[in-house]
Amino acid sequence: MIESKTILETTVKAADGKRAENIIALDMENVSLLADYFVIMSADSKRQVAAIADEIIDQNEKSGVTIRHVEGQRASEWILVDLGDVVVNIFQTDQRKFYNLEKLWSEAKVVDVKDWVEA
C-alpha cells in the first residue's frame, strides 16, 4: 500500500506541472476521518481545471494508486478527485473563493509543500 504522504507529493507535483495556483495541503489527521490529507488548488479556466485533474489522475495511476472517485468533470468548475487517503479539490478561482474550504477546515494544520512546487 502506498503511503498517503507519497500520494500527496505525487499529487502536488502533478498539479504544479500543470500550473495549478495556490496549492494548499491540509493535514486532516486530527480533524476528519475522511482522509489523511485534503488538497485545495485553483486555476483560471475550466480547461485548465480539467487538465490539472487529468494529470493528477494519470500520475497517481502510474504510481499504482487506485482512483476511487472523480466528481464534477463535466462542469470543470470544481473537480474532486478521491485518492483514498488524499482528497483533491481543484477549483476555478471564483468557485474556490465562494466555497472557501480553507475556512471550513481551518482547524487542520497546513502541510508545507514548497519543496514539491517550482518557484
PDB file of N, CA and C in Angstrom:
ATOM      1  N   MET A   1       0.835  -1.189   0.000  1.00  0.00           N
ATOM      2  CA  MET A   1       0.000   0.000   0.000  1.00  0.00           C
ATOM      3  C   MET A   1       0.879   1.251   0.000  1.00  0.00           C
ATOM      4  N   ILE A   2       0.507   2.211  -0.789  1.00  0.00           N
ATOM      5  CA  ILE A   2       1.291   3.434  -0.934  1.00  0.00           C
ATOM      6  C   ILE A   2       0.941   4.394   0.202  1.00  0.00           C
ATOM      7  N   GLU A   3       1.954   4.970   0.827  1.00  0.00           N
ATOM      8  CA  GLU A   3       1.740   5.905   1.920  1.00  0.00           C
ATOM      9  C   GLU A   3       1.036   7.166   1.437  1.00  0.00           C
ATOM     10  N   SER A   4       0.185   7.709   2.296  1.00  0.00           N
ATOM     11  CA  SER A   4      -0.579   8.900   1.922  1.00  0.00           C
ATOM     12  C   SER A   4       0.325  10.095   1.643  1.00  0.00           C
ATOM     13  N   LYS A   5       1.459  10.197   2.339  1.00  0.00           N
ATOM     14  CA  LYS A   5       2.392  11.311   2.094  1.00  0.00           C
ATOM     15  C   LYS A   5       2.980  11.214   0.687  1.00  0.00           C
ATOM     16  N   THR A   6       3.226   9.999   0.208  1.00  0.00           N
ATOM     17  CA  THR A   6       3.732   9.795  -1.155  1.00  0.00           C
ATOM     18  C   THR A   6       2.671  10.185  -2.176  1.00  0.00           C
ATOM     19  N   ILE A   7       1.425   9.822  -1.914  1.00  0.00           N
ATOM     20  CA  ILE A   7       0.318  10.208  -2.802  1.00  0.00           C
ATOM     21  C   ILE A   7       0.189  11.730  -2.824  1.00  0.00           C
ATOM     22  N   LEU A   8       0.330  12.348  -1.662  1.00  0.00           N
ATOM     23  CA  LEU A   8       0.266  13.811  -1.576  1.00  0.00           C
ATOM     24  C   LEU A   8       1.359  14.445  -2.425  1.00  0.00           C
ATOM     25  N   GLU A   9       2.583  13.950  -2.312  1.00  0.00           N
ATOM     26  CA  GLU A   9       3.694  14.502  -3.086  1.00  0.00           C
ATOM     27  C   GLU A   9       3.454  14.346  -4.586  1.00  0.00           C
ATOM     28  N   THR A  10       3.034  13.169  -5.021  1.00  0.00           N
ATOM     29  CA  THR A  10       2.734  12.935  -6.437  1.00  0.00           C
ATOM     30  C   THR A  10       1.670  13.907  -6.929  1.00  0.00           C
ATOM     31  N   THR A  11       0.653  14.102  -6.111  1.00  0.00           N
ATOM     32  CA  THR A  11      -0.466  14.973  -6.466  1.00  0.00           C
ATOM     33  C   THR A  11      -0.021  16.424  -6.607  1.00  0.00           C
ATOM     34  N   VAL A  12       0.741  16.907  -5.635  1.00  0.00           N
ATOM     35  CA  VAL A  12       1.195  18.306  -5.662  1.00  0.00           C
ATOM     36  C   VAL A  12       2.111  18.549  -6.861  1.00  0.00           C
ATOM     37  N   LYS A  13       3.024  17.627  -7.112  1.00  0.00           N
ATOM     38  CA  LYS A  13       3.942  17.781  -8.251  1.00  0.00           C
ATOM     39  C   LYS A  13       3.182  17.753  -9.583  1.00  0.00           C
ATOM     40  N   ALA A  14       2.204  16.864  -9.701  1.00  0.00           N
ATOM     41  CA  ALA A  14       1.408  16.790 -10.933  1.00  0.00           C
ATOM     42  C   ALA A  14       0.631  18.081 -11.145  1.00  0.00           C
ATOM     43  N   ALA A  15       0.028  18.592 -10.082  1.00  0.00           N
ATOM     44  CA  ALA A  15      -0.750  19.834 -10.173  1.00  0.00           C
ATOM     45  C   ALA A  15       0.141  21.012 -10.543  1.00  0.00           C
ATOM     46  N   ASP A  16       1.302  21.079  -9.900  1.00  0.00           N
ATOM     47  CA  ASP A  16       2.243  22.165 -10.185  1.00  0.00           C
ATOM     48  C   ASP A  16       2.725  22.102 -11.635  1.00  0.00           C
ATOM     49  N   GLY A  17       2.910  20.888 -12.138  1.00  0.00           N
ATOM     50  CA  GLY A  17       3.336  20.709 -13.521  1.00  0.00           C
ATOM     51  C   GLY A  17       2.330  21.235 -14.537  1.00  0.00           C
ATOM     52  N   LYS A  18       1.081  21.314 -14.125  1.00  0.00           N
ATOM     53  CA  LYS A  18       0.022  21.863 -14.993  1.00  0.00           C
ATOM     54  C   LYS A  18      -0.380  23.272 -14.549  1.00  0.00           C
ATOM     55  N   ARG A  19       0.484  23.903 -13.775  1.00  0.00           N
ATOM     56  CA  ARG A  19       0.337  25.295 -13.354  1.00  0.00           C
ATOM     57  C   ARG A  19      -0.869  25.583 -12.446  1.00  0.00           C
ATOM     58  N   ALA A  20      -1.161  24.643 -11.569  1.00  0.00           N
ATOM     59  CA  ALA A  20      -2.188  24.906 -10.556  1.00  0.00           C
ATOM     60  C   ALA A  20      -1.702  26.053  -9.673  1.00  0.00           C
ATOM     61  N   GLU A  21      -2.639  26.843  -9.207  1.00  0.00           N
ATOM     62  CA  GLU A  21      -2.294  28.009  -8.404  1.00  0.00           C
ATOM     63  C   GLU A  21      -2.687  27.791  -6.946  1.00  0.00           C
ATOM     64  N   ASN A  22      -1.908  28.403  -6.046  1.00  0.00           N
ATOM     65  CA  ASN A  22      -2.232  28.441  -4.622  1.00  0.00           C
ATOM     66  C   ASN A  22      -2.569  27.047  -4.078  1.00  0.00           C
ATOM     67  N   ILE A  23      -1.626  26.118  -4.249  1.00  0.00           N
ATOM     68  CA  ILE A  23      -1.821  24.740  -3.786  1.00  0.00           C
ATOM     69  C   ILE A  23      -1.648  24.700  -2.271  1.00  0.00           C
ATOM     70  N   ILE A  24      -2.683  24.229  -1.593  1.00  0.00           N
ATOM     71  CA  ILE A  24      -2.650  24.105  -0.145  1.00  0.00           C
ATOM     72  C   ILE A  24      -2.993  22.663   0.224  1.00  0.00           C
ATOM     73  N   ALA A  25      -2.178  22.075   1.092  1.00  0.00           N
ATOM     74  CA  ALA A  25      -2.456  20.730   1.599  1.00  0.00           C
ATOM     75  C   ALA A  25      -2.748  20.844   3.089  1.00  0.00           C
ATOM     76  N   LEU A  26      -3.824  20.206   3.515  1.00  0.00           N
ATOM     77  CA  LEU A  26      -4.235  20.234   4.912  1.00  0.00           C
ATOM     78  C   LEU A  26      -4.097  18.844   5.516  1.00  0.00           C
ATOM     79  N   ASP A  27      -3.462  18.777   6.687  1.00  0.00           N
ATOM     80  CA  ASP A  27      -3.319  17.524   7.411  1.00  0.00           C
ATOM     81  C   ASP A  27      -4.610  17.309   8.200  1.00  0.00           C
ATOM     82  N   MET A  28      -5.393  16.321   7.803  1.00  0.00           N
ATOM     83  CA  MET A  28      -6.721  16.099   8.372  1.00  0.00           C
ATOM     84  C   MET A  28      -6.724  15.068   9.504  1.00  0.00           C
ATOM     85  N   GLU A  29      -5.549  14.622   9.923  1.00  0.00           N
ATOM     86  CA  GLU A  29      -5.445  13.539  10.905  1.00  0.00           C
ATOM     87  C   GLU A  29      -6.282  13.784  12.162  1.00  0.00           C
ATOM     88  N   ASN A  30      -6.219  14.960  12.728  1.00  0.00           N
ATOM     89  CA  ASN A  30      -6.951  15.253  13.962  1.00  0.00           C
ATOM     90  C   ASN A  30      -8.270  15.971  13.723  1.00  0.00           C
ATOM     91  N   VAL A  31      -8.684  16.070  12.462  1.00  0.00           N
ATOM     92  CA  VAL A  31      -9.862  16.867  12.109  1.00  0.00           C
ATOM     93  C   VAL A  31     -10.989  16.022  11.526  1.00  0.00           C
ATOM     94  N   SER A  32     -10.640  15.046  10.706  1.00  0.00           N
ATOM     95  CA  SER A  32     -11.654  14.281   9.985  1.00  0.00           C
ATOM     96  C   SER A  32     -11.189  12.843   9.775  1.00  0.00           C
ATOM     97  N   LEU A  33     -12.139  11.946   9.752  1.00  0.00           N
ATOM     98  CA  LEU A  33     -11.831  10.547   9.454  1.00  0.00           C
ATOM     99  C   LEU A  33     -11.882  10.266   7.953  1.00  0.00           C
ATOM    100  N   LEU A  34     -12.279  11.260   7.158  1.00  0.00           N
ATOM    101  CA  LEU A  34     -12.465  11.058   5.725  1.00  0.00           C
ATOM    102  C   LEU A  34     -11.168  10.778   4.979  1.00  0.00           C
ATOM    103  N   ALA A  35     -10.090  11.473   5.368  1.00  0.00           N
ATOM    104  CA  ALA A  35      -8.828  11.343   4.642  1.00  0.00           C
ATOM    105  C   ALA A  35      -7.686  11.827   5.512  1.00  0.00           C
ATOM    106  N   ASP A  36      -6.462  11.442   5.135  1.00  0.00           N
ATOM    107  CA  ASP A  36      -5.275  11.949   5.828  1.00  0.00           C
ATOM    108  C   ASP A  36      -4.977  13.381   5.403  1.00  0.00           C
ATOM    109  N   TYR A  37      -5.181  13.656   4.108  1.00  0.00           N
ATOM    110  CA  TYR A  37      -4.896  14.983   3.568  1.00  0.00           C
ATOM    111  C   TYR A  37      -6.010  15.460   2.649  1.00  0.00           C
ATOM    112  N   PHE A  38      -6.299  16.750   2.715  1.00  0.00           N
ATOM    113  CA  PHE A  38      -7.136  17.431   1.730  1.00  0.00           C
ATOM    114  C   PHE A  38      -6.197  18.369   0.975  1.00  0.00           C
ATOM    115  N   VAL A  39      -6.320  18.395  -0.334  1.00  0.00           N
ATOM    116  CA  VAL A  39      -5.517  19.297  -1.142  1.00  0.00           C
ATOM    117  C   VAL A  39      -6.483  20.220  -1.876  1.00  0.00           C
ATOM    118  N   ILE A  40      -6.184  21.509  -1.828  1.00  0.00           N
ATOM    119  CA  ILE A  40      -7.026  22.512  -2.469  1.00  0.00           C
ATOM    120  C   ILE A  40      -6.147  23.334  -3.397  1.00  0.00           C
ATOM    121  N   MET A  41      -6.630  23.569  -4.604  1.00  0.00           N
ATOM    122  CA  MET A  41      -5.877  24.351  -5.586  1.00  0.00           C
ATOM    123  C   MET A  41      -6.852  25.016  -6.545  1.00  0.00           C
ATOM    124  N   SER A  42      -6.341  25.924  -7.343  1.00  0.00           N
ATOM    125  CA  SER A  42      -7.225  26.598  -8.286  1.00  0.00           C
ATOM    126  C   SER A  42      -6.526  26.842  -9.616  1.00  0.00           C
ATOM    127  N   ALA A  43      -7.356  27.201 -10.602  1.00  0.00           N
ATOM    128  CA  ALA A  43      -6.897  27.549 -11.947  1.00  0.00           C
ATOM    129  C   ALA A  43      -7.899  28.537 -12.528  1.00  0.00           C
ATOM    130  N   ASP A  44      -7.473  29.287 -13.543  1.00  0.00           N
ATOM    131  CA  ASP A  44      -8.317  30.355 -14.067  1.00  0.00           C
ATOM    132  C   ASP A  44      -9.397  29.905 -15.057  1.00  0.00           C
ATOM    133  N   SER A  45      -9.209  28.761 -15.694  1.00  0.00           N
ATOM    134  CA  SER A  45     -10.188  28.350 -16.710  1.00  0.00           C
ATOM    135  C   SER A  45     -10.664  26.922 -16.485  1.00  0.00           C
ATOM    136  N   LYS A  46     -11.827  26.613 -17.050  1.00  0.00           N
ATOM    137  CA  LYS A  46     -12.363  25.253 -16.962  1.00  0.00           C
ATOM    138  C   LYS A  46     -11.409  24.256 -17.617  1.00  0.00           C
ATOM    139  N   ARG A  47     -10.830  24.655 -18.726  1.00  0.00           N
ATOM    140  CA  ARG A  47      -9.901  23.776 -19.445  1.00  0.00           C
ATOM    141  C   ARG A  47      -8.690  23.430 -18.571  1.00  0.00           C
ATOM    142  N   GLN A  48      -8.167  24.433 -17.861  1.00  0.00           N
ATOM    143  CA  GLN A  48      -7.004  24.185 -17.010  1.00  0.00           C
ATOM    144  C   GLN A  48      -7.385  23.324 -15.803  1.00  0.00           C
ATOM    145  N   VAL A  49      -8.556  23.557 -15.222  1.00  0.00           N
ATOM    146  CA  VAL A  49      -9.028  22.722 -14.114  1.00  0.00           C
ATOM    147  C   VAL A  49      -9.076  21.261 -14.560  1.00  0.00           C
ATOM    148  N   ALA A  50      -9.633  21.020 -15.735  1.00  0.00           N
ATOM    149  CA  ALA A  50      -9.727  19.654 -16.262  1.00  0.00           C
ATOM    150  C   ALA A  50      -8.347  19.066 -16.533  1.00  0.00           C
ATOM    151  N   ALA A  51      -7.435  19.863 -17.080  1.00  0.00           N
ATOM    152  CA  ALA A  51      -6.081  19.381 -17.372  1.00  0.00           C
ATOM    153  C   ALA A  51      -5.332  19.010 -16.093  1.00  0.00           C
ATOM    154  N   ILE A  52      -5.503  19.810 -15.050  1.00  0.00           N
ATOM    155  CA  ILE A  52      -4.866  19.516 -13.760  1.00  0.00           C
ATOM    156  C   ILE A  52      -5.414  18.205 -13.203  1.00  0.00           C
ATOM    157  N   ALA A  53      -6.732  18.041 -13.236  1.00  0.00           N
ATOM    158  CA  ALA A  53      -7.345  16.802 -12.741  1.00  0.00           C
ATOM    159  C   ALA A  53      -6.833  15.595 -13.516  1.00  0.00           C
ATOM    160  N   ASP A  54      -6.775  15.710 -14.836  1.00  0.00           N
ATOM    161  CA  ASP A  54      -6.291  14.602 -15.666  1.00  0.00           C
ATOM    162  C   ASP A  54      -4.850  14.223 -15.307  1.00  0.00           C
ATOM    163  N   GLU A  55      -4.008  15.237 -15.087  1.00  0.00           N
ATOM    164  CA  GLU A  55      -2.600  14.975 -14.758  1.00  0.00           C
ATOM    165  C   GLU A  55      -2.458  14.322 -13.389  1.00  0.00           C
ATOM    166  N   ILE A  56      -3.237  14.781 -12.431  1.00  0.00           N
ATOM    167  CA  ILE A  56      -3.216  14.178 -11.092  1.00  0.00           C
ATOM    168  C   ILE A  56      -3.632  12.712 -11.167  1.00  0.00           C
ATOM    169  N   ILE A  57      -4.698  12.442 -11.910  1.00  0.00           N
ATOM    170  CA  ILE A  57      -5.176  11.068 -12.076  1.00  0.00           C
ATOM    171  C   ILE A  57      -4.117  10.222 -12.781  1.00  0.00           C
ATOM    172  N   ASP A  58      -3.563  10.724 -13.887  1.00  0.00           N
ATOM    173  CA  ASP A  58      -2.561   9.967 -14.652  1.00  0.00           C
ATOM    174  C   ASP A  58      -1.328   9.641 -13.815  1.00  0.00           C
ATOM    175  N   GLN A  59      -0.790  10.632 -13.112  1.00  0.00           N
ATOM    176  CA  GLN A  59       0.441  10.421 -12.345  1.00  0.00           C
ATOM    177  C   GLN A  59       0.217   9.462 -11.168  1.00  0.00           C
ATOM    178  N   ASN A  60      -0.936   9.566 -10.536  1.00  0.00           N
ATOM    179  CA  ASN A  60      -1.218   8.646  -9.428  1.00  0.00           C
ATOM    180  C   ASN A  60      -1.462   7.233  -9.923  1.00  0.00           C
ATOM    181  N   GLU A  61      -2.148   7.086 -11.055  1.00  0.00           N
ATOM    182  CA  GLU A  61      -2.350   5.745 -11.620  1.00  0.00           C
ATOM    183  C   GLU A  61      -1.006   5.101 -11.974  1.00  0.00           C
ATOM    184  N   LYS A  62      -0.082   5.898 -12.544  1.00  0.00           N
ATOM    185  CA  LYS A  62       1.259   5.388 -12.875  1.00  0.00           C
ATOM    186  C   LYS A  62       1.991   4.911 -11.633  1.00  0.00           C
ATOM    187  N   SER A  63       1.702   5.527 -10.487  1.00  0.00           N
ATOM    188  CA  SER A  63       2.336   5.153  -9.221  1.00  0.00           C
ATOM    189  C   SER A  63       1.627   3.990  -8.532  1.00  0.00           C
ATOM    190  N   GLY A  64       0.536   3.512  -9.129  1.00  0.00           N
ATOM    191  CA  GLY A  64      -0.185   2.382  -8.561  1.00  0.00           C
ATOM    192  C   GLY A  64      -1.304   2.748  -7.603  1.00  0.00           C
ATOM    193  N   VAL A  65      -1.679   4.021  -7.577  1.00  0.00           N
ATOM    194  CA  VAL A  65      -2.760   4.479  -6.696  1.00  0.00           C
ATOM    195  C   VAL A  65      -4.101   4.197  -7.363  1.00  0.00           C
ATOM    196  N   THR A  66      -5.038   3.692  -6.596  1.00  0.00           N
ATOM    197  CA  THR A  66      -6.393   3.470  -7.097  1.00  0.00           C
ATOM    198  C   THR A  66      -7.173   4.772  -7.004  1.00  0.00           C
ATOM    199  N   ILE A  67      -7.742   5.189  -8.121  1.00  0.00           N
ATOM    200  CA  ILE A  67      -8.590   6.385  -8.139  1.00  0.00           C
ATOM    201  C   ILE A  67      -9.977   5.920  -7.709  1.00  0.00           C
ATOM    202  N   ARG A  68     -10.408   6.348  -6.543  1.00  0.00           N
ATOM    203  CA  ARG A  68     -11.683   5.853  -6.014  1.00  0.00           C
ATOM    204  C   ARG A  68     -12.885   6.501  -6.672  1.00  0.00           C
ATOM    205  N   HIS A  69     -12.796   7.809  -6.896  1.00  0.00           N
ATOM    206  CA  HIS A  69     -13.950   8.507  -7.471  1.00  0.00           C
ATOM    207  C   HIS A  69     -13.503   9.870  -7.992  1.00  0.00           C
ATOM    208  N   VAL A  70     -14.140  10.305  -9.062  1.00  0.00           N
ATOM    209  CA  VAL A  70     -13.925  11.655  -9.594  1.00  0.00           C
ATOM    210  C   VAL A  70     -15.296  12.286  -9.770  1.00  0.00           C
ATOM    211  N   GLU A  71     -15.443  13.474  -9.241  1.00  0.00           N
ATOM    212  CA  GLU A  71     -16.736  14.168  -9.263  1.00  0.00           C
ATOM    213  C   GLU A  71     -16.577  15.537  -9.911  1.00  0.00           C
ATOM    214  N   GLY A  72     -17.513  15.910 -10.774  1.00  0.00           N
ATOM    215  CA  GLY A  72     -17.548  17.271 -11.304  1.00  0.00           C
ATOM    216  C   GLY A  72     -16.820  17.500 -12.603  1.00  0.00           C
ATOM    217  N   GLN A  73     -16.475  16.444 -13.335  1.00  0.00           N
ATOM    218  CA  GLN A  73     -15.673  16.622 -14.547  1.00  0.00           C
ATOM    219  C   GLN A  73     -16.380  17.389 -15.660  1.00  0.00           C
ATOM    220  N   ARG A  74     -17.663  17.256 -15.782  1.00  0.00           N
ATOM    221  CA  ARG A  74     -18.360  17.924 -16.895  1.00  0.00           C
ATOM    222  C   ARG A  74     -18.311  19.435 -16.788  1.00  0.00           C
ATOM    223  N   ALA A  75     -18.632  19.953 -15.628  1.00  0.00           N
ATOM    224  CA  ALA A  75     -18.662  21.404 -15.455  1.00  0.00           C
ATOM    225  C   ALA A  75     -17.251  21.983 -15.346  1.00  0.00           C
ATOM    226  N   SER A  76     -16.340  21.232 -14.771  1.00  0.00           N
ATOM    227  CA  SER A  76     -14.949  21.656 -14.591  1.00  0.00           C
ATOM    228  C   SER A  76     -14.801  22.979 -13.852  1.00  0.00           C
ATOM    229  N   GLU A  77     -15.762  23.293 -12.991  1.00  0.00           N
ATOM    230  CA  GLU A  77     -15.626  24.471 -12.133  1.00  0.00           C
ATOM    231  C   GLU A  77     -15.054  24.046 -10.789  1.00  0.00           C
ATOM    232  N   TRP A  78     -15.327  22.800 -10.415  1.00  0.00           N
ATOM    233  CA  TRP A  78     -14.789  22.210  -9.183  1.00  0.00           C
ATOM    234  C   TRP A  78     -14.745  20.709  -9.429  1.00  0.00           C
ATOM    235  N   ILE A  79     -13.547  20.166  -9.489  1.00  0.00           N
ATOM    236  CA  ILE A  79     -13.382  18.727  -9.658  1.00  0.00           C
ATOM    237  C   ILE A  79     -12.803  18.167  -8.370  1.00  0.00           C
ATOM    238  N   LEU A  80     -13.430  17.126  -7.863  1.00  0.00           N
ATOM    239  CA  LEU A  80     -12.951  16.430  -6.677  1.00  0.00           C
ATOM    240  C   LEU A  80     -12.395  15.089  -7.127  1.00  0.00           C
ATOM    241  N   VAL A  81     -11.175  14.790  -6.719  1.00  0.00           N
ATOM    242  CA  VAL A  81     -10.543  13.512  -7.028  1.00  0.00           C
ATOM    243  C   VAL A  81     -10.280  12.806  -5.702  1.00  0.00           C
ATOM    244  N   ASP A  82     -10.902  11.652  -5.510  1.00  0.00           N
ATOM    245  CA  ASP A  82     -10.749  10.870  -4.289  1.00  0.00           C
ATOM    246  C   ASP A  82      -9.685   9.808  -4.524  1.00  0.00           C
ATOM    247  N   LEU A  83      -8.547   9.997  -3.859  1.00  0.00           N
ATOM    248  CA  LEU A  83      -7.439   9.062  -3.967  1.00  0.00           C
ATOM    249  C   LEU A  83      -7.334   8.202  -2.707  1.00  0.00           C
ATOM    250  N   GLY A  84      -8.440   8.100  -1.985  1.00  0.00           N
ATOM    251  CA  GLY A  84      -8.443   7.320  -0.744  1.00  0.00           C
ATOM    252  C   GLY A  84      -8.017   8.183   0.426  1.00  0.00           C
ATOM    253  N   ASP A  85      -6.745   8.086   0.804  1.00  0.00           N
ATOM    254  CA  ASP A  85      -6.236   8.859   1.940  1.00  0.00           C
ATOM    255  C   ASP A  85      -5.977  10.321   1.600  1.00  0.00           C
ATOM    256  N   VAL A  86      -6.045  10.653   0.322  1.00  0.00           N
ATOM    257  CA  VAL A  86      -5.850  12.033  -0.132  1.00  0.00           C
ATOM    258  C   VAL A  86      -7.054  12.423  -0.992  1.00  0.00           C
ATOM    259  N   VAL A  87      -7.689  13.529  -0.612  1.00  0.00           N
ATOM    260  CA  VAL A  87      -8.829  14.043  -1.378  1.00  0.00           C
ATOM    261  C   VAL A  87      -8.411  15.382  -1.984  1.00  0.00           C
ATOM    262  N   VAL A  88      -8.572  15.496  -3.296  1.00  0.00           N
ATOM    263  CA  VAL A  88      -8.097  16.668  -4.028  1.00  0.00           C
ATOM    264  C   VAL A  88      -9.277  17.482  -4.538  1.00  0.00           C
ATOM    265  N   ASN A  89      -9.226  18.791  -4.298  1.00  0.00           N
ATOM    266  CA  ASN A  89     -10.243  19.724  -4.780  1.00  0.00           C
ATOM    267  C   ASN A  89      -9.580  20.712  -5.728  1.00  0.00           C
ATOM    268  N   ILE A  90     -10.017  20.709  -6.987  1.00  0.00           N
ATOM    269  CA  ILE A  90      -9.463  21.615  -7.993  1.00  0.00           C
ATOM    270  C   ILE A  90     -10.583  22.564  -8.402  1.00  0.00           C
ATOM    271  N   PHE A  91     -10.400  23.828  -8.104  1.00  0.00           N
ATOM    272  CA  PHE A  91     -11.437  24.830  -8.334  1.00  0.00           C
ATOM    273  C   PHE A  91     -11.060  25.805  -9.437  1.00  0.00           C
ATOM    274  N   GLN A  92     -12.084  26.331 -10.108  1.00  0.00           N
ATOM    275  CA  GLN A  92     -11.874  27.565 -10.840  1.00  0.00           C
ATOM    276  C   GLN A  92     -11.749  28.634  -9.771  1.00  0.00           C
ATOM    277  N   THR A  93     -10.945  29.647 -10.000  1.00  0.00           N
ATOM    278  CA  THR A  93     -10.597  30.624  -8.961  1.00  0.00           C
ATOM    279  C   THR A  93     -11.815  31.204  -8.257  1.00  0.00           C
ATOM    280  N   ASP A  94     -12.837  31.625  -8.991  1.00  0.00           N
ATOM    281  CA  ASP A  94     -14.014  32.238  -8.359  1.00  0.00           C
ATOM    282  C   ASP A  94     -14.800  31.226  -7.521  1.00  0.00           C
ATOM    283  N   GLN A  95     -14.850  29.967  -7.943  1.00  0.00           N
ATOM    284  CA  GLN A  95     -15.536  28.929  -7.179  1.00  0.00           C
ATOM    285  C   GLN A  95     -14.801  28.645  -5.863  1.00  0.00           C
ATOM    286  N   ARG A  96     -13.484  28.693  -5.920  1.00  0.00           N
ATOM    287  CA  ARG A  96     -12.702  28.463  -4.704  1.00  0.00           C
ATOM    288  C   ARG A  96     -13.002  29.539  -3.662  1.00  0.00           C
ATOM    289  N   LYS A  97     -13.072  30.775  -4.104  1.00  0.00           N
ATOM    290  CA  LYS A  97     -13.399  31.872  -3.181  1.00  0.00           C
ATOM    291  C   LYS A  97     -14.796  31.681  -2.595  1.00  0.00           C
ATOM    292  N   PHE A  98     -15.740  31.250  -3.412  1.00  0.00           N
ATOM    293  CA  PHE A  98     -17.121  31.073  -2.973  1.00  0.00           C
ATOM    294  C   PHE A  98     -17.234  29.978  -1.900  1.00  0.00           C
ATOM    295  N   TYR A  99     -16.629  28.825  -2.151  1.00  0.00           N
ATOM    296  CA  TYR A  99     -16.762  27.696  -1.223  1.00  0.00           C
ATOM    297  C   TYR A  99     -15.830  27.796  -0.014  1.00  0.00           C
ATOM    298  N   ASN A 100     -14.680  28.445  -0.184  1.00  0.00           N
ATOM    299  CA  ASN A 100     -13.755  28.747   0.908  1.00  0.00           C
ATOM    300  C   ASN A 100     -13.516  27.548   1.839  1.00  0.00           C
ATOM    301  N   LEU A 101     -13.077  26.426   1.265  1.00  0.00           N
ATOM    302  CA  LEU A 101     -12.830  25.215   2.063  1.00  0.00           C
ATOM    303  C   LEU A 101     -11.740  25.407   3.107  1.00  0.00           C
ATOM    304  N   GLU A 102     -10.799  26.301   2.824  1.00  0.00           N
ATOM    305  CA  GLU A 102      -9.747  26.554   3.805  1.00  0.00           C
ATOM    306  C   GLU A 102     -10.350  27.025   5.128  1.00  0.00           C
ATOM    307  N   LYS A 103     -11.376  27.860   5.056  1.00  0.00           N
ATOM    308  CA  LYS A 103     -12.026  28.343   6.275  1.00  0.00           C
ATOM    309  C   LYS A 103     -12.816  27.207   6.938  1.00  0.00           C
ATOM    310  N   LEU A 104     -13.499  26.398   6.142  1.00  0.00           N
ATOM    311  CA  LEU A 104     -14.280  25.282   6.666  1.00  0.00           C
ATOM    312  C   LEU A 104     -13.392  24.324   7.462  1.00  0.00           C
ATOM    313  N   TRP A 105     -12.178  24.081   6.963  1.00  0.00           N
ATOM    314  CA  TRP A 105     -11.253  23.154   7.598  1.00  0.00           C
ATOM    315  C   TRP A 105     -10.120  23.910   8.288  1.00  0.00           C
ATOM    316  N   SER A 106     -10.401  25.071   8.844  1.00  0.00           N
ATOM    317  CA  SER A 106      -9.358  25.942   9.406  1.00  0.00           C
ATOM    318  C   SER A 106      -8.617  25.324  10.594  1.00  0.00           C
ATOM    319  N   GLU A 107      -9.210  24.347  11.261  1.00  0.00           N
ATOM    320  CA  GLU A 107      -8.519  23.722  12.392  1.00  0.00           C
ATOM    321  C   GLU A 107      -7.452  22.713  11.951  1.00  0.00           C
ATOM    322  N   ALA A 108      -7.416  22.398  10.665  1.00  0.00           N
ATOM    323  CA  ALA A 108      -6.406  21.469  10.143  1.00  0.00           C
ATOM    324  C   ALA A 108      -5.071  22.191   9.972  1.00  0.00           C
ATOM    325  N   LYS A 109      -3.978  21.470  10.229  1.00  0.00           N
ATOM    326  CA  LYS A 109      -2.643  22.027  10.022  1.00  0.00           C
ATOM    327  C   LYS A 109      -2.341  22.069   8.532  1.00  0.00           C
ATOM    328  N   VAL A 110      -1.688  23.150   8.113  1.00  0.00           N
ATOM    329  CA  VAL A 110      -1.256  23.276   6.715  1.00  0.00           C
ATOM    330  C   VAL A 110       0.067  22.522   6.565  1.00  0.00           C
ATOM    331  N   VAL A 111       0.147  21.699   5.519  1.00  0.00           N
ATOM    332  CA  VAL A 111       1.353  20.927   5.229  1.00  0.00           C
ATOM    333  C   VAL A 111       2.245  21.768   4.316  1.00  0.00           C
ATOM    334  N   ASP A 112       3.524  21.825   4.629  1.00  0.00           N
ATOM    335  CA  ASP A 112       4.478  22.577   3.812  1.00  0.00           C
ATOM    336  C   ASP A 112       4.768  21.782   2.537  1.00  0.00           C
ATOM    337  N   VAL A 113       4.337  22.303   1.397  1.00  0.00           N
ATOM    338  CA  VAL A 113       4.547  21.613   0.115  1.00  0.00           C
ATOM    339  C   VAL A 113       5.527  22.362  -0.786  1.00  0.00           C
ATOM    340  N   LYS A 114       6.189  23.395  -0.257  1.00  0.00           N
ATOM    341  CA  LYS A 114       7.023  24.244  -1.116  1.00  0.00           C
ATOM    342  C   LYS A 114       8.167  23.486  -1.793  1.00  0.00           C
ATOM    343  N   ASP A 115       8.646  22.410  -1.182  1.00  0.00           N
ATOM    344  CA  ASP A 115       9.721  21.627  -1.804  1.00  0.00           C
ATOM    345  C   ASP A 115       9.247  20.862  -3.042  1.00  0.00           C
ATOM    346  N   TRP A 116       7.951  20.720  -3.198  1.00  0.00           N
ATOM    347  CA  TRP A 116       7.391  19.979  -4.332  1.00  0.00           C
ATOM    348  C   TRP A 116       6.873  20.900  -5.431  1.00  0.00           C
ATOM    349  N   VAL A 117       6.977  22.212  -5.207  1.00  0.00           N
ATOM    350  CA  VAL A 117       6.431  23.194  -6.140  1.00  0.00           C
ATOM    351  C   VAL A 117       7.584  24.066  -6.662  1.00  0.00           C
ATOM    352  N   GLU A 118       7.603  24.273  -7.963  1.00  0.00           N
ATOM    353  CA  GLU A 118       8.632  25.145  -8.521  1.00  0.00           C
ATOM    354  C   GLU A 118       8.265  26.596  -8.265  1.00  0.00           C
ATOM    355  N   ALA A 119       9.250  27.379  -7.884  1.00  0.00           N
ATOM    356  CA  ALA A 119       9.022  28.790  -7.537  1.00  0.00           C
ATOM    357  C   ALA A 119       8.620  29.627  -8.723  1.00  0.00           C
TER     358      ALA A 119
END
